[in-house]
């Protein structure tokens, strides 16, 4: 299934909602969207992966790259996951690398809590 990306900009964060497959064939499209987000430099981003049906190593690599780019600028990235994504993060031992939330509202709360610190 092809990747669908919806970008919802807010003042202090952007929400990128993905659905379909995040694999090698779709990474170029996702990277172009990510580059646009980084160019506008929101301090934080939520990537909603709850609609992802398949995630391969290329997609994971892109998420890792994005996490590092946000971390390098003092920003924050939160992933909204589903069972498929959670299983892949556990299998690859990357679950401790990412901040994850079960839903977008919980992710927003995580960002708000971090801003208060």
N, C-alpha and C. Protein backbone atom coordinates (compact mmCIF):
# COMPACT_ATOMS: atom_id res chain seq x y z
N UNK A 1 0.85 -1.17 0.00
CA UNK A 1 0.00 0.00 0.00
C UNK A 1 0.90 1.24 0.00
N UNK A 2 0.60 2.21 -0.83
CA UNK A 2 1.43 3.40 -0.91
C UNK A 2 1.29 4.25 0.35
N UNK A 3 2.29 5.07 0.57
CA UNK A 3 2.33 5.91 1.76
C UNK A 3 1.53 7.19 1.55
N UNK A 4 0.73 7.52 2.52
CA UNK A 4 -0.02 8.77 2.53
C UNK A 4 0.52 9.61 3.69
N UNK A 5 0.79 10.89 3.41
CA UNK A 5 1.35 11.78 4.43
C UNK A 5 0.48 13.03 4.54
N UNK A 6 0.05 13.33 5.75
CA UNK A 6 -0.69 14.54 6.01
C UNK A 6 0.12 15.39 7.00
N UNK A 7 0.34 16.66 6.67
CA UNK A 7 1.11 17.56 7.53
C UNK A 7 0.16 18.58 8.13
N UNK A 8 0.18 18.67 9.45
CA UNK A 8 -0.66 19.60 10.19
C UNK A 8 0.23 20.52 11.03
N UNK A 9 0.55 21.72 10.51
CA UNK A 9 1.45 22.62 11.26
C UNK A 9 0.74 23.37 12.38
N UNK A 10 1.42 23.48 13.50
CA UNK A 10 0.99 24.29 14.64
C UNK A 10 2.15 25.21 14.99
N UNK A 11 1.93 26.18 15.86
CA UNK A 11 2.99 27.12 16.21
C UNK A 11 4.21 26.44 16.84
N UNK A 12 3.97 25.54 17.78
CA UNK A 12 5.08 24.95 18.53
C UNK A 12 5.43 23.53 18.11
N UNK A 13 4.65 22.93 17.24
CA UNK A 13 4.96 21.58 16.75
C UNK A 13 4.19 21.31 15.47
N UNK A 14 4.64 20.32 14.76
CA UNK A 14 3.92 19.84 13.57
C UNK A 14 3.53 18.40 13.82
N UNK A 15 2.41 18.00 13.24
CA UNK A 15 1.99 16.61 13.29
C UNK A 15 2.02 16.06 11.87
N UNK A 16 2.81 15.01 11.67
CA UNK A 16 2.86 14.32 10.39
C UNK A 16 2.15 12.99 10.58
N UNK A 17 1.05 12.79 9.87
CA UNK A 17 0.28 11.56 9.98
C UNK A 17 0.55 10.71 8.76
N UNK A 18 1.05 9.51 9.00
CA UNK A 18 1.40 8.59 7.93
C UNK A 18 0.45 7.40 7.94
N UNK A 19 0.10 6.92 6.76
CA UNK A 19 -0.66 5.68 6.67
C UNK A 19 -0.19 4.92 5.44
N UNK A 20 -0.28 3.62 5.52
CA UNK A 20 0.20 2.76 4.44
C UNK A 20 1.51 2.10 4.82
N UNK A 21 2.42 2.00 3.85
CA UNK A 21 3.71 1.35 4.05
C UNK A 21 4.84 2.36 4.03
N UNK A 22 5.69 2.32 5.05
CA UNK A 22 6.89 3.15 5.07
C UNK A 22 8.06 2.22 4.78
N UNK A 23 8.34 2.06 3.49
CA UNK A 23 9.41 1.17 3.06
C UNK A 23 10.33 1.90 2.08
N UNK A 24 11.28 1.18 1.54
CA UNK A 24 12.29 1.77 0.66
C UNK A 24 11.66 2.58 -0.47
N UNK A 25 10.61 2.06 -1.08
CA UNK A 25 10.02 2.73 -2.23
C UNK A 25 9.31 4.04 -1.85
N UNK A 26 8.98 4.22 -0.59
CA UNK A 26 8.25 5.41 -0.14
C UNK A 26 9.13 6.40 0.63
N UNK A 27 10.38 6.03 0.91
CA UNK A 27 11.23 6.88 1.75
C UNK A 27 11.56 8.22 1.10
N UNK A 28 11.72 8.26 -0.22
CA UNK A 28 12.05 9.52 -0.90
C UNK A 28 10.93 10.54 -0.70
N UNK A 29 9.69 10.11 -0.82
CA UNK A 29 8.55 11.00 -0.62
C UNK A 29 8.50 11.50 0.82
N UNK A 30 8.72 10.60 1.76
CA UNK A 30 8.69 10.97 3.18
C UNK A 30 9.85 11.93 3.48
N UNK A 31 11.03 11.66 2.92
CA UNK A 31 12.20 12.51 3.17
C UNK A 31 11.95 13.94 2.65
N UNK A 32 11.31 14.08 1.50
CA UNK A 32 11.01 15.42 0.98
C UNK A 32 10.08 16.17 1.94
N UNK A 33 9.11 15.49 2.48
CA UNK A 33 8.20 16.11 3.44
C UNK A 33 8.96 16.48 4.71
N UNK A 34 9.80 15.59 5.19
CA UNK A 34 10.60 15.85 6.38
C UNK A 34 11.51 17.05 6.17
N UNK A 35 12.14 17.14 5.00
CA UNK A 35 13.01 18.28 4.71
C UNK A 35 12.24 19.59 4.75
N UNK A 36 11.02 19.58 4.27
CA UNK A 36 10.18 20.77 4.32
C UNK A 36 9.86 21.15 5.76
N UNK A 37 9.59 20.16 6.59
CA UNK A 37 9.31 20.41 8.00
C UNK A 37 10.54 21.00 8.68
N UNK A 38 11.70 20.40 8.45
CA UNK A 38 12.92 20.89 9.08
C UNK A 38 13.29 22.28 8.60
N UNK A 39 13.00 22.58 7.35
CA UNK A 39 13.29 23.91 6.81
C UNK A 39 12.47 24.97 7.56
N UNK A 40 11.23 24.64 7.91
CA UNK A 40 10.39 25.57 8.67
C UNK A 40 10.69 25.52 10.16
N UNK A 41 11.50 24.55 10.55
CA UNK A 41 12.07 24.42 11.90
C UNK A 41 11.08 24.54 13.06
N UNK A 42 10.02 23.75 13.08
CA UNK A 42 9.20 23.73 14.29
C UNK A 42 10.05 23.12 15.41
N UNK A 43 9.90 23.59 16.64
CA UNK A 43 10.74 23.08 17.72
C UNK A 43 10.47 21.62 18.06
N UNK A 44 9.32 21.11 17.69
CA UNK A 44 8.96 19.74 18.00
C UNK A 44 8.09 19.17 16.88
N UNK A 45 8.07 17.85 16.81
CA UNK A 45 7.23 17.18 15.82
C UNK A 45 6.66 15.90 16.40
N UNK A 46 5.46 15.60 15.96
CA UNK A 46 4.81 14.33 16.28
C UNK A 46 4.65 13.61 14.95
N UNK A 47 5.13 12.38 14.90
CA UNK A 47 4.93 11.57 13.70
C UNK A 47 3.97 10.46 14.09
N UNK A 48 2.78 10.54 13.53
CA UNK A 48 1.71 9.59 13.84
C UNK A 48 1.84 8.40 12.90
N UNK A 49 2.36 7.30 13.44
CA UNK A 49 2.55 6.07 12.68
C UNK A 49 1.44 5.06 12.94
N UNK A 50 0.37 5.48 13.58
CA UNK A 50 -0.69 4.54 13.95
C UNK A 50 -1.37 3.92 12.73
N UNK A 51 -1.25 4.56 11.56
CA UNK A 51 -1.83 4.03 10.34
C UNK A 51 -0.84 3.26 9.47
N UNK A 52 0.36 3.02 9.99
CA UNK A 52 1.38 2.30 9.23
C UNK A 52 1.09 0.79 9.29
N UNK A 53 1.10 0.18 8.13
CA UNK A 53 0.87 -1.26 8.05
C UNK A 53 2.16 -2.05 7.90
N UNK A 54 3.21 -1.38 7.37
CA UNK A 54 4.49 -2.05 7.15
C UNK A 54 5.60 -1.03 7.30
N UNK A 55 6.67 -1.41 7.98
CA UNK A 55 7.82 -0.54 8.21
C UNK A 55 9.07 -1.38 8.02
N UNK A 56 9.94 -0.97 7.08
CA UNK A 56 11.17 -1.74 6.87
C UNK A 56 12.37 -0.95 7.39
N UNK A 57 13.57 -1.48 7.16
CA UNK A 57 14.79 -0.87 7.69
C UNK A 57 15.03 0.52 7.10
N UNK A 58 14.62 0.75 5.87
CA UNK A 58 14.77 2.08 5.28
C UNK A 58 13.93 3.10 6.02
N UNK A 59 12.70 2.73 6.33
CA UNK A 59 11.83 3.61 7.09
C UNK A 59 12.36 3.86 8.49
N UNK A 60 12.86 2.81 9.14
CA UNK A 60 13.45 2.96 10.47
C UNK A 60 14.66 3.89 10.42
N UNK A 61 15.49 3.71 9.40
CA UNK A 61 16.67 4.56 9.26
C UNK A 61 16.29 6.02 9.10
N UNK A 62 15.26 6.27 8.35
CA UNK A 62 14.79 7.65 8.16
C UNK A 62 14.25 8.24 9.46
N UNK A 63 13.52 7.44 10.23
CA UNK A 63 13.03 7.91 11.52
C UNK A 63 14.19 8.19 12.48
N UNK A 64 15.21 7.34 12.47
CA UNK A 64 16.39 7.57 13.30
C UNK A 64 17.10 8.85 12.91
N UNK A 65 17.25 9.06 11.62
CA UNK A 65 17.89 10.27 11.11
C UNK A 65 17.12 11.51 11.57
N UNK A 66 15.83 11.47 11.45
CA UNK A 66 14.99 12.59 11.86
C UNK A 66 15.12 12.84 13.36
N UNK A 67 15.15 11.78 14.14
CA UNK A 67 15.30 11.91 15.59
C UNK A 67 16.62 12.58 15.93
N UNK A 68 17.68 12.19 15.26
CA UNK A 68 19.00 12.79 15.50
C UNK A 68 19.02 14.26 15.09
N UNK A 69 18.39 14.58 13.96
CA UNK A 69 18.35 15.97 13.51
C UNK A 69 17.59 16.85 14.51
N UNK A 70 16.49 16.35 15.02
CA UNK A 70 15.75 17.12 16.03
C UNK A 70 16.57 17.24 17.31
N UNK A 71 17.18 16.16 17.73
CA UNK A 71 18.00 16.20 18.95
C UNK A 71 19.16 17.16 18.84
N UNK A 72 19.77 17.24 17.67
CA UNK A 72 20.92 18.13 17.47
C UNK A 72 20.55 19.59 17.58
N UNK A 73 19.29 19.92 17.29
CA UNK A 73 18.85 21.32 17.36
C UNK A 73 18.10 21.62 18.65
N UNK A 74 18.06 20.66 19.57
CA UNK A 74 17.36 20.87 20.84
C UNK A 74 15.87 20.66 20.74
N UNK A 75 15.42 20.12 19.62
CA UNK A 75 14.00 19.86 19.43
C UNK A 75 13.58 18.53 20.01
N UNK A 76 12.34 18.20 19.82
CA UNK A 76 11.78 16.96 20.37
C UNK A 76 10.93 16.28 19.33
N UNK A 77 11.07 14.98 19.22
CA UNK A 77 10.30 14.17 18.29
C UNK A 77 9.58 13.08 19.08
N UNK A 78 8.29 12.94 18.86
CA UNK A 78 7.51 11.88 19.51
C UNK A 78 6.81 11.08 18.42
N UNK A 79 6.91 9.76 18.52
CA UNK A 79 6.24 8.87 17.59
C UNK A 79 4.96 8.33 18.21
N UNK A 80 3.88 8.39 17.47
CA UNK A 80 2.64 7.72 17.86
C UNK A 80 2.69 6.37 17.16
N UNK A 81 2.61 5.31 17.92
CA UNK A 81 2.83 3.98 17.36
C UNK A 81 1.56 3.13 17.38
N UNK A 82 1.68 1.99 16.73
CA UNK A 82 0.64 0.96 16.78
C UNK A 82 1.35 -0.35 17.09
N UNK A 83 0.63 -1.43 17.10
CA UNK A 83 1.23 -2.73 17.47
C UNK A 83 2.34 -3.14 16.49
N UNK A 84 2.14 -2.91 15.21
CA UNK A 84 3.14 -3.26 14.20
C UNK A 84 4.44 -2.51 14.46
N UNK A 85 4.33 -1.20 14.64
CA UNK A 85 5.51 -0.37 14.87
C UNK A 85 6.16 -0.72 16.20
N UNK A 86 5.36 -0.90 17.25
CA UNK A 86 5.91 -1.28 18.56
C UNK A 86 6.71 -2.58 18.46
N UNK A 87 6.17 -3.57 17.76
CA UNK A 87 6.87 -4.85 17.61
C UNK A 87 8.20 -4.68 16.89
N UNK A 88 8.23 -3.86 15.85
CA UNK A 88 9.47 -3.64 15.10
C UNK A 88 10.48 -2.90 15.97
N UNK A 89 10.04 -1.90 16.71
CA UNK A 89 10.96 -1.17 17.59
C UNK A 89 11.52 -2.08 18.67
N UNK A 90 10.71 -2.97 19.20
CA UNK A 90 11.18 -3.93 20.21
C UNK A 90 12.17 -4.93 19.59
N UNK A 91 11.81 -5.47 18.43
CA UNK A 91 12.67 -6.44 17.75
C UNK A 91 14.05 -5.88 17.42
N UNK A 92 14.09 -4.62 17.01
CA UNK A 92 15.34 -3.98 16.61
C UNK A 92 16.04 -3.29 17.78
N UNK A 93 15.43 -3.39 18.96
CA UNK A 93 15.96 -2.77 20.18
C UNK A 93 16.09 -1.25 20.06
N UNK A 94 15.19 -0.66 19.32
CA UNK A 94 15.18 0.79 19.15
C UNK A 94 14.10 1.47 19.98
N UNK A 95 13.35 0.68 20.74
CA UNK A 95 12.25 1.26 21.52
C UNK A 95 12.74 2.26 22.55
N UNK A 96 13.96 2.10 23.04
CA UNK A 96 14.48 3.05 24.03
C UNK A 96 15.05 4.31 23.39
N UNK A 97 15.22 4.30 22.08
CA UNK A 97 15.77 5.46 21.37
C UNK A 97 14.70 6.53 21.14
N UNK A 98 13.49 6.08 20.86
CA UNK A 98 12.41 6.99 20.51
C UNK A 98 11.50 7.27 21.70
N UNK A 99 10.94 8.49 21.73
CA UNK A 99 9.84 8.78 22.64
C UNK A 99 8.58 8.37 21.91
N UNK A 100 7.76 7.54 22.54
CA UNK A 100 6.55 7.05 21.88
C UNK A 100 5.33 7.33 22.75
N UNK A 101 4.20 7.42 22.08
CA UNK A 101 2.92 7.65 22.75
C UNK A 101 1.86 6.82 22.03
N UNK A 102 0.79 6.45 22.73
CA UNK A 102 -0.26 5.66 22.11
C UNK A 102 -1.21 6.46 21.23
N UNK A 103 -1.19 7.80 21.34
CA UNK A 103 -2.09 8.64 20.55
C UNK A 103 -1.53 10.05 20.42
N UNK A 104 -2.10 10.82 19.51
CA UNK A 104 -1.62 12.18 19.25
C UNK A 104 -1.80 13.07 20.47
N UNK A 105 -2.93 12.96 21.16
CA UNK A 105 -3.15 13.80 22.34
C UNK A 105 -2.13 13.50 23.44
N UNK A 106 -1.79 12.23 23.62
CA UNK A 106 -0.77 11.86 24.60
C UNK A 106 0.59 12.40 24.19
N UNK A 107 0.87 12.39 22.88
CA UNK A 107 2.13 12.94 22.37
C UNK A 107 2.19 14.45 22.62
N UNK A 108 1.10 15.13 22.39
CA UNK A 108 1.05 16.58 22.67
C UNK A 108 1.30 16.85 24.15
N UNK A 109 0.74 16.01 25.00
CA UNK A 109 0.95 16.17 26.45
C UNK A 109 2.42 15.96 26.79
N UNK A 110 3.07 14.99 26.16
CA UNK A 110 4.50 14.76 26.40
C UNK A 110 5.31 16.00 26.01
N UNK A 111 4.97 16.60 24.88
CA UNK A 111 5.67 17.81 24.45
C UNK A 111 5.42 18.96 25.42
N UNK A 112 4.20 19.10 25.88
CA UNK A 112 3.86 20.17 26.83
C UNK A 112 4.59 19.96 28.14
N UNK A 113 4.66 18.72 28.62
CA UNK A 113 5.36 18.42 29.87
C UNK A 113 6.84 18.75 29.75
N UNK A 114 7.43 18.45 28.60
CA UNK A 114 8.85 18.74 28.38
C UNK A 114 9.08 20.25 28.34
N UNK A 115 8.17 20.99 27.76
CA UNK A 115 8.32 22.44 27.66
C UNK A 115 8.28 23.10 29.04
N UNK A 116 7.57 22.49 29.97
CA UNK A 116 7.47 23.05 31.32
C UNK A 116 8.71 22.82 32.15
N UNK A 117 9.53 21.86 31.76
CA UNK A 117 10.72 21.51 32.55
C UNK A 117 11.80 22.54 32.42
